[in-house]
Amino acid sequence: MCVPGCEEAVRHALTRRGFFRGAAAAGFAATAVAAEPAAAFAPRRFTSVVDLTHTMSPDFPTFFGVPGIELEKKFDLKKDGFNLNWWRIVEHAGTHMDAPIHFSEAGATVEQIPAASLVVPLAVIDVAAKAAQNADYLVSKADLAAWEKKHGRLPDNACVAMHSGWAKHAGDGAKFTGKDSAGTFHFPGFGADAAEWLMKERKVAGLASDTLSLDHGPSKDFKVHYMWLPSGRWGLENVANLDKVPASGAMLIVGIPKVKGATGGPTRLMALV
């Protein structure tokens, strides 16, 4: 059966005259991706929700090598009558969003991203076998073409996610970061040619990776970040469980705290399958 409330919540969202008209009304056109109908998606029933989020903890590997979150117990139930922690977090740690402002001077901050652009079709590009052979693998235009040959044209306003198999290494910081003796990271990411093609030839709302970055580990110029985010699109990093969702047909819900001025933040990702 459908998860309580999910069918009703998404039924309207998935209709051509519902979600995409609502997205435009919410100001989705303010981003670089125009809100238009996704021809490949029609109203459907969802039977499950897949959590695409890693559990955030001080032990989760980070780009900076420091804890992404610290919790301090400020109030205790026995002493104060309630429990409450203070958090100290790194915006870009754990499963999180990169807002356009992260790599641009005047891009949208988190609270400026229209809610309608955070419920989108999900397309999963499986490059796990290739990444197993090459830790620095880059998703290419050929990978995107192969996906479309099998599943049809990428739906408009979708999130295109790289499934490299790296999520399974999240419990091993050395393997997940791939950091070598020279301090260089090694993990897969998107190639600049693939990102450019998605920007020019398709209407995609976001990119997602199951690694620390949209760019691959050895990158020094963060070319994909500097192309993608200033264009008004968002990114997701450290995504979990992409092996548990279909390559095509799921809807992604991006739940990010609406914090004024934030360049990103820990995100709860849910796929309706």
Protein backbone atom coordinates (compact mmCIF):
# COMPACT_ATOMS: atom_id res chain seq x y z
CA MET A 1 0.00 0.00 0.00
CA CYS A 2 1.05 3.60 -0.42
CA VAL A 3 2.81 5.28 2.48
CA PRO A 4 0.14 7.28 4.37
CA GLY A 5 -0.45 10.56 2.62
CA CYS A 6 2.11 10.07 -0.12
CA GLU A 7 -0.35 9.27 -2.88
CA GLU A 8 -2.44 12.34 -2.24
CA ALA A 9 0.63 14.52 -1.82
CA VAL A 10 2.22 13.55 -5.08
CA ARG A 11 -0.83 12.88 -7.25
CA HIS A 12 -1.29 16.58 -7.96
CA ALA A 13 2.46 17.20 -8.02
CA LEU A 14 2.99 14.76 -10.86
CA THR A 15 0.28 15.95 -13.21
CA ARG A 16 1.35 18.13 -16.10
CA ARG A 17 -1.03 20.89 -15.01
CA GLY A 18 -0.25 20.46 -11.33
CA PHE A 19 3.40 20.20 -10.39
CA PHE A 20 4.92 22.01 -13.33
CA ARG A 21 2.40 24.82 -13.34
CA GLY A 22 2.88 25.12 -9.58
CA ALA A 23 6.63 25.20 -10.01
CA ALA A 24 6.38 28.11 -12.38
CA ALA A 25 4.04 29.94 -10.06
CA ALA A 26 6.47 29.42 -7.20
CA GLY A 27 9.19 31.12 -9.15
CA PHE A 28 11.09 28.12 -10.43
CA ALA A 29 11.77 30.10 -13.56
CA ALA A 30 13.99 32.29 -11.42
CA THR A 31 16.50 29.47 -11.57
CA ALA A 32 18.20 28.49 -14.81
CA VAL A 33 15.82 25.59 -15.38
CA ALA A 34 12.49 26.46 -16.96
CA ALA A 35 9.47 24.69 -15.50
CA GLU A 36 7.95 22.65 -18.29
CA PRO A 37 6.08 19.34 -18.42
CA ALA A 38 8.15 16.18 -18.13
CA ALA A 39 6.89 14.13 -21.02
CA ALA A 40 8.27 10.87 -19.62
CA PHE A 41 6.39 11.18 -16.32
CA ALA A 42 2.67 10.72 -15.79
CA PRO A 43 0.56 10.37 -12.64
CA ARG A 44 1.24 7.07 -10.87
CA ARG A 45 0.97 5.31 -7.56
CA PHE A 46 3.98 4.95 -5.28
CA THR A 47 4.28 1.99 -2.96
CA SER A 48 7.39 2.78 -0.91
CA VAL A 49 9.74 5.47 0.30
CA VAL A 50 13.50 4.95 0.08
CA ASP A 51 15.68 7.01 2.39
CA LEU A 52 18.64 8.33 0.41
CA THR A 53 20.24 9.93 3.47
CA HIS A 54 23.27 8.86 5.47
CA THR A 55 22.96 9.21 9.24
CA MET A 56 24.81 12.37 10.22
CA SER A 57 27.35 11.97 13.01
CA PRO A 58 30.78 13.34 13.98
CA ASP A 59 32.28 10.17 12.47
CA PHE A 60 30.97 10.70 8.94
CA PRO A 61 33.87 11.48 6.53
CA THR A 62 34.15 15.12 5.51
CA PHE A 63 36.03 17.03 2.86
CA PHE A 64 37.86 19.03 5.51
CA GLY A 65 38.74 16.12 7.77
CA VAL A 66 36.88 17.61 10.75
CA PRO A 67 33.59 16.49 12.32
CA GLY A 68 30.65 17.70 10.26
CA ILE A 69 28.46 17.98 13.33
CA GLU A 70 28.96 18.34 17.05
CA LEU A 71 26.14 17.91 19.58
CA GLU A 72 26.29 19.36 23.07
CA LYS A 73 23.67 18.27 25.58
CA LYS A 74 22.32 21.49 27.09
CA PHE A 75 19.21 20.24 28.83
CA ASP A 76 18.50 16.84 30.34
CA LEU A 77 15.12 15.24 30.96
CA LYS A 78 15.87 14.18 34.53
CA LYS A 79 17.40 17.51 35.51
CA ASP A 80 15.49 20.02 33.39
CA GLY A 81 12.31 18.23 32.41
CA PHE A 82 13.22 17.97 28.73
CA ASN A 83 16.08 16.99 26.42
CA LEU A 84 17.74 19.52 24.11
CA ASN A 85 21.04 19.62 22.24
CA TRP A 86 22.95 22.49 20.72
CA TRP A 87 24.36 21.73 17.29
CA ARG A 88 27.47 22.99 15.62
CA ILE A 89 27.49 21.94 11.98
CA VAL A 90 29.43 22.29 8.75
CA GLU A 91 26.91 23.20 6.04
CA HIS A 92 28.53 20.86 3.53
CA ALA A 93 28.86 17.63 5.46
CA GLY A 94 26.95 14.37 5.44
CA THR A 95 24.14 14.07 2.93
CA HIS A 96 23.72 17.71 1.98
CA MET A 97 22.78 20.28 -0.64
CA ASP A 98 24.99 22.73 -2.50
CA ALA A 99 22.89 25.84 -3.14
CA PRO A 100 23.79 28.04 -6.16
CA ILE A 101 25.46 30.62 -3.87
CA HIS A 102 28.03 28.00 -2.79
CA PHE A 103 30.11 28.63 -5.93
CA SER A 104 28.82 31.97 -7.18
CA GLU A 105 28.70 35.60 -6.08
CA ALA A 106 24.98 36.21 -6.43
CA GLY A 107 23.36 32.79 -6.59
CA ALA A 108 20.31 31.69 -4.63
CA THR A 109 20.76 30.85 -0.98
CA VAL A 110 18.89 27.90 0.47
CA GLU A 111 15.76 29.76 1.52
CA GLN A 112 15.45 31.30 -1.96
CA ILE A 113 15.13 27.94 -3.71
CA PRO A 114 11.43 27.43 -4.57
CA ALA A 115 9.88 24.47 -2.76
CA ALA A 116 8.34 23.26 -6.03
CA SER A 117 11.81 22.73 -7.48
CA LEU A 118 12.67 20.34 -4.63
CA VAL A 119 10.17 17.65 -5.67
CA VAL A 120 11.52 16.29 -8.93
CA PRO A 121 11.87 13.18 -11.09
CA LEU A 122 14.97 11.14 -10.25
CA ALA A 123 17.25 9.65 -12.90
CA VAL A 124 20.02 7.36 -11.62
CA ILE A 125 23.12 6.85 -13.77
CA ASP A 126 24.75 3.59 -12.67
CA VAL A 127 28.53 3.69 -13.15
CA ALA A 128 29.39 1.43 -10.20
CA ALA A 129 31.14 -1.19 -12.32
CA LYS A 130 33.30 1.45 -14.00
CA ALA A 131 34.08 3.19 -10.72
CA ALA A 132 35.17 -0.14 -9.21
CA GLN A 133 37.86 -0.26 -11.89
CA ASN A 134 38.77 3.44 -11.70
CA ALA A 135 38.30 5.36 -8.45
CA ASP A 136 38.65 8.66 -10.33
CA TYR A 137 35.92 7.81 -12.85
CA LEU A 138 34.02 10.69 -14.46
CA VAL A 139 30.42 10.34 -15.58
CA SER A 140 30.48 11.13 -19.31
CA LYS A 141 28.11 12.13 -22.07
CA ALA A 142 28.33 8.52 -23.23
CA ASP A 143 26.96 7.36 -19.87
CA LEU A 144 24.04 9.78 -20.23
CA ALA A 145 23.41 8.67 -23.80
CA ALA A 146 23.38 5.03 -22.69
CA TRP A 147 20.82 5.87 -19.99
CA GLU A 148 18.56 7.61 -22.51
CA LYS A 149 18.89 4.75 -24.98
CA LYS A 150 17.52 2.40 -22.34
CA HIS A 151 15.06 4.63 -20.47
CA GLY A 152 14.13 7.41 -22.88
CA ARG A 153 14.86 11.12 -22.76
CA LEU A 154 15.75 12.54 -19.35
CA PRO A 155 12.59 14.09 -17.89
CA ASP A 156 12.51 17.85 -17.61
CA ASN A 157 13.37 19.31 -14.21
CA ALA A 158 14.89 16.04 -13.02
CA CYS A 159 17.72 15.38 -10.62
CA VAL A 160 20.42 13.34 -12.34
CA ALA A 161 22.22 11.19 -9.79
CA MET A 162 25.51 9.33 -10.11
CA HIS A 163 25.46 5.87 -8.51
CA SER A 164 29.12 4.94 -8.25
CA GLY A 165 28.77 2.45 -5.41
CA TRP A 166 30.77 4.76 -3.13
CA ALA A 167 28.04 5.02 -0.49
CA LYS A 168 28.96 1.57 0.80
CA HIS A 169 32.35 2.98 1.87
CA ALA A 170 30.87 5.72 4.07
CA GLY A 171 31.79 3.80 7.21
CA ASP A 172 35.45 3.73 6.19
CA GLY A 173 36.82 7.28 6.01
CA ALA A 174 40.04 6.27 4.28
CA LYS A 175 38.23 4.40 1.53
CA PHE A 176 35.44 6.95 1.16
CA THR A 177 37.81 9.90 0.69
CA GLY A 178 40.51 7.89 -1.07
CA LYS A 179 43.07 10.34 0.27
CA ASP A 180 46.60 9.31 -0.73
CA SER A 181 49.97 10.10 0.81
CA ALA A 182 50.16 13.33 -1.19
CA GLY A 183 46.82 14.50 0.18
CA THR A 184 44.89 13.95 -3.07
CA PHE A 185 41.37 12.56 -2.88
CA HIS A 186 40.24 9.71 -5.10
CA PHE A 187 36.54 9.11 -5.74
CA PRO A 188 34.24 9.35 -8.80
CA GLY A 189 32.33 12.41 -9.95
CA PHE A 190 30.69 14.09 -12.93
CA GLY A 191 32.72 15.04 -15.97
CA ALA A 192 32.55 18.66 -17.11
CA ASP A 193 31.43 17.50 -20.57
CA ALA A 194 28.47 15.67 -19.06
CA ALA A 195 27.49 18.65 -16.90
CA GLU A 196 27.76 21.03 -19.85
CA TRP A 197 25.62 18.75 -22.03
CA LEU A 198 22.94 18.53 -19.33
CA MET A 199 22.92 22.33 -19.04
CA LYS A 200 22.70 22.97 -22.78
CA GLU A 201 20.73 20.03 -24.14
CA ARG A 202 18.41 19.05 -21.29
CA LYS A 203 16.44 20.84 -18.58
CA VAL A 204 17.81 19.44 -15.34
CA ALA A 205 17.19 20.91 -11.88
CA GLY A 206 19.97 19.23 -9.95
CA LEU A 207 22.92 16.88 -9.89
CA ALA A 208 23.52 14.31 -7.15
CA SER A 209 26.48 12.14 -6.25
CA ASP A 210 27.08 9.36 -3.74
CA THR A 211 30.55 10.78 -3.05
CA LEU A 212 31.95 13.81 -1.24
CA SER A 213 31.66 16.05 -4.29
CA LEU A 214 30.03 16.60 -7.67
CA ASP A 215 33.59 16.83 -9.05
CA HIS A 216 35.79 13.77 -8.76
CA GLY A 217 38.36 13.50 -6.00
CA PRO A 218 41.50 14.66 -7.82
CA SER A 219 39.86 17.86 -9.07
CA LYS A 220 41.68 21.06 -8.20
CA ASP A 221 39.57 23.47 -10.21
CA PHE A 222 36.08 22.16 -9.25
CA LYS A 223 34.99 22.78 -12.80
CA VAL A 224 31.58 21.12 -12.43
CA HIS A 225 30.77 23.17 -9.32
CA TYR A 226 31.77 26.39 -11.08
CA MET A 227 29.65 25.51 -14.12
CA TRP A 228 26.61 24.01 -12.47
CA LEU A 229 25.87 26.09 -9.38
CA PRO A 230 26.24 29.60 -10.89
CA SER A 231 23.69 28.53 -13.53
CA GLY A 232 21.03 28.50 -10.81
CA ARG A 233 20.91 24.74 -10.32
CA TRP A 234 21.53 22.85 -7.08
CA GLY A 235 23.63 19.84 -6.19
CA LEU A 236 23.43 16.99 -3.68
CA GLU A 237 26.42 15.13 -2.26
CA ASN A 238 26.95 12.04 -0.11
CA VAL A 239 23.67 10.51 -1.27
CA ALA A 240 22.88 7.04 0.11
CA ASN A 241 21.01 3.98 -1.18
CA LEU A 242 20.91 4.83 -4.87
CA ASP A 243 21.20 1.09 -5.49
CA LYS A 244 17.76 0.69 -3.91
CA VAL A 245 15.87 2.89 -6.37
CA PRO A 246 15.13 2.29 -10.06
CA ALA A 247 17.14 4.02 -12.76
CA SER A 248 13.95 5.77 -13.88
CA GLY A 249 10.49 6.40 -12.48
CA ALA A 250 11.08 7.53 -8.89
CA MET A 251 10.33 10.98 -7.53
CA LEU A 252 12.83 12.72 -5.28
CA ILE A 253 11.87 14.89 -2.32
CA VAL A 254 14.68 17.18 -1.15
CA GLY A 255 14.08 18.22 2.45
CA ILE A 256 16.51 20.95 3.42
CA PRO A 257 16.21 23.32 6.40
CA LYS A 258 15.06 26.77 5.28
CA VAL A 259 17.92 28.77 6.78
CA LYS A 260 18.36 32.39 5.68
CA GLY A 261 21.65 32.96 3.87
CA ALA A 262 22.72 29.31 3.95
CA THR A 263 24.99 28.09 1.15
CA GLY A 264 23.76 24.55 1.71
CA GLY A 265 22.99 22.24 4.56
CA PRO A 266 22.32 18.72 5.80
CA THR A 267 19.44 17.31 3.77
CA ARG A 268 16.92 14.49 4.20
CA LEU A 269 16.41 12.90 0.80
CA MET A 270 13.46 10.61 0.10
CA ALA A 271 12.64 8.76 -3.10
CA LEU A 272 9.04 7.78 -3.81
CA VAL A 273 9.18 4.49 -5.68
